[in-house]
Amino acid sequence: MHNRAELWHSSEPLLLRRIRPKQNERRFYAMSVTEDLFGKTVLVRNWGRIGTGGRQRFDYHKDEAAARASLEKLAAQKRRRGYV
């Protein structure tokens, strides 16, 4: 079986959600690899409660391969925590 992060393409964000109605929890975690205005590779992460703007973080990497490896590692961590 393929890991879903391996099937991800850099032109679209990876969106994960965790919905647990009994705990009143509806969360999202989105990640994408892109370039900034200066050509540096950036892993952009957004997270928060579904329906809000959430928070955003930018992680700079030396190249796209490093950023994709970081994305895959984070996606695996989030899936272990119940995100799909």
C-alpha atoms as a PDB file:
ATOM      1  CA  MET A   1       0.000   0.000   0.000  1.00  0.00           C
ATOM      2  CA  HIS A   2       1.263   3.477  -0.887  1.00  0.00           C
ATOM      3  CA  ASN A   3       1.823   6.220   1.631  1.00  0.00           C
ATOM      4  CA  ARG A   4      -0.507   9.075   0.681  1.00  0.00           C
ATOM      5  CA  ALA A   5       2.229  11.678   1.211  1.00  0.00           C
ATOM      6  CA  GLU A   6       4.302   9.948  -1.510  1.00  0.00           C
ATOM      7  CA  LEU A   7       1.431  10.493  -3.945  1.00  0.00           C
ATOM      8  CA  TRP A   8       1.342  14.209  -3.168  1.00  0.00           C
ATOM      9  CA  HIS A   9       2.294  16.665  -5.937  1.00  0.00           C
ATOM     10  CA  SER A  10       3.937  19.993  -5.144  1.00  0.00           C
ATOM     11  CA  SER A  11       1.337  21.955  -7.147  1.00  0.00           C
ATOM     12  CA  GLU A  12      -1.418  21.193  -4.623  1.00  0.00           C
ATOM     13  CA  PRO A  13      -1.538  21.280  -0.808  1.00  0.00           C
ATOM     14  CA  LEU A  14      -1.856  18.179   1.348  1.00  0.00           C
ATOM     15  CA  LEU A  15      -4.955  18.597   3.541  1.00  0.00           C
ATOM     16  CA  LEU A  16      -5.479  16.438   6.624  1.00  0.00           C
ATOM     17  CA  ARG A  17      -8.484  16.553   8.965  1.00  0.00           C
ATOM     18  CA  ARG A  18      -9.332  15.135  12.388  1.00  0.00           C
ATOM     19  CA  ILE A  19     -12.999  15.199  13.352  1.00  0.00           C
ATOM     20  CA  ARG A  20     -14.113  13.815  16.712  1.00  0.00           C
ATOM     21  CA  PRO A  21     -17.694  14.965  17.442  1.00  0.00           C
ATOM     22  CA  LYS A  22     -17.785  13.584  21.003  1.00  0.00           C
ATOM     23  CA  GLN A  23     -14.843  15.821  21.943  1.00  0.00           C
ATOM     24  CA  ASN A  24     -16.216  18.731  19.867  1.00  0.00           C
ATOM     25  CA  GLU A  25     -13.004  18.606  17.855  1.00  0.00           C
ATOM     26  CA  ARG A  26     -12.834  19.561  14.170  1.00  0.00           C
ATOM     27  CA  ARG A  27      -9.269  20.333  13.130  1.00  0.00           C
ATOM     28  CA  PHE A  28      -7.303  20.680   9.905  1.00  0.00           C
ATOM     29  CA  TYR A  29      -3.629  20.584   8.984  1.00  0.00           C
ATOM     30  CA  ALA A  30      -2.542  21.705   5.499  1.00  0.00           C
ATOM     31  CA  MET A  31       0.974  21.629   4.030  1.00  0.00           C
ATOM     32  CA  SER A  32       2.506  22.602   0.709  1.00  0.00           C
ATOM     33  CA  VAL A  33       5.969  23.084  -0.766  1.00  0.00           C
ATOM     34  CA  THR A  34       6.513  26.265  -2.736  1.00  0.00           C
ATOM     35  CA  GLU A  35       9.102  28.934  -3.537  1.00  0.00           C
ATOM     36  CA  ASP A  36       9.153  32.397  -2.028  1.00  0.00           C
ATOM     37  CA  LEU A  37       9.789  35.582  -4.019  1.00  0.00           C
ATOM     38  CA  PHE A  38      13.544  35.073  -3.752  1.00  0.00           C
ATOM     39  CA  GLY A  39      13.499  31.484  -5.062  1.00  0.00           C
ATOM     40  CA  LYS A  40      14.005  29.765  -1.707  1.00  0.00           C
ATOM     41  CA  THR A  41      12.108  26.516  -1.065  1.00  0.00           C
ATOM     42  CA  VAL A  42       9.499  26.807   1.675  1.00  0.00           C
ATOM     43  CA  LEU A  43       7.275  24.272   3.438  1.00  0.00           C
ATOM     44  CA  VAL A  44       4.099  26.195   4.286  1.00  0.00           C
ATOM     45  CA  ARG A  45       2.009  24.768   7.137  1.00  0.00           C
ATOM     46  CA  ASN A  46      -1.484  25.884   8.172  1.00  0.00           C
ATOM     47  CA  TRP A  47      -3.428  24.386  11.071  1.00  0.00           C
ATOM     48  CA  GLY A  48      -6.365  25.112  13.310  1.00  0.00           C
ATOM     49  CA  ARG A  49     -10.052  24.554  13.853  1.00  0.00           C
ATOM     50  CA  ILE A  50     -12.109  23.927  10.710  1.00  0.00           C
ATOM     51  CA  GLY A  51     -13.948  27.128   9.805  1.00  0.00           C
ATOM     52  CA  THR A  52     -11.208  29.459  11.047  1.00  0.00           C
ATOM     53  CA  GLY A  53      -8.121  30.884   9.379  1.00  0.00           C
ATOM     54  CA  GLY A  54      -5.926  28.996  11.817  1.00  0.00           C
ATOM     55  CA  ARG A  55      -2.220  29.593  12.198  1.00  0.00           C
ATOM     56  CA  GLN A  56       0.541  29.556   9.596  1.00  0.00           C
ATOM     57  CA  ARG A  57       4.230  28.693   9.668  1.00  0.00           C
ATOM     58  CA  PHE A  58       6.974  28.859   7.019  1.00  0.00           C
ATOM     59  CA  ASP A  59       9.905  26.417   7.191  1.00  0.00           C
ATOM     60  CA  TYR A  60      12.786  27.142   4.787  1.00  0.00           C
ATOM     61  CA  HIS A  61      14.729  24.223   3.281  1.00  0.00           C
ATOM     62  CA  LYS A  62      17.833  23.960   1.125  1.00  0.00           C
ATOM     63  CA  ASP A  63      15.955  22.283  -1.758  1.00  0.00           C
ATOM     64  CA  GLU A  64      12.635  20.738  -2.754  1.00  0.00           C
ATOM     65  CA  ALA A  65      13.721  17.215  -1.805  1.00  0.00           C
ATOM     66  CA  ALA A  66      14.432  18.284   1.786  1.00  0.00           C
ATOM     67  CA  ALA A  67      11.113  20.117   2.001  1.00  0.00           C
ATOM     68  CA  ARG A  68       9.217  17.102   0.632  1.00  0.00           C
ATOM     69  CA  ALA A  69      10.977  14.803   3.131  1.00  0.00           C
ATOM     70  CA  SER A  70       9.927  17.139   5.946  1.00  0.00           C
ATOM     71  CA  LEU A  71       6.347  17.181   4.617  1.00  0.00           C
ATOM     72  CA  GLU A  72       6.219  13.375   4.499  1.00  0.00           C
ATOM     73  CA  LYS A  73       7.598  13.100   8.051  1.00  0.00           C
ATOM     74  CA  LEU A  74       5.036  15.603   9.384  1.00  0.00           C
ATOM     75  CA  ALA A  75       2.201  13.872   7.490  1.00  0.00           C
ATOM     76  CA  ALA A  76       3.157  10.534   9.074  1.00  0.00           C
ATOM     77  CA  GLN A  77       3.158  12.134  12.546  1.00  0.00           C
ATOM     78  CA  LYS A  78      -0.262  13.686  11.976  1.00  0.00           C
ATOM     79  CA  ARG A  79      -1.709  10.397  10.702  1.00  0.00           C
ATOM     80  CA  ARG A  80      -0.484   8.636  13.844  1.00  0.00           C
ATOM     81  CA  ARG A  81      -2.413  11.274  15.804  1.00  0.00           C
ATOM     82  CA  GLY A  82      -5.642  10.508  13.964  1.00  0.00           C
ATOM     83  CA  TYR A  83      -5.610  12.920  11.021  1.00  0.00           C
ATOM     84  CA  VAL A  84      -6.855  11.524   7.675  1.00  0.00           C
END
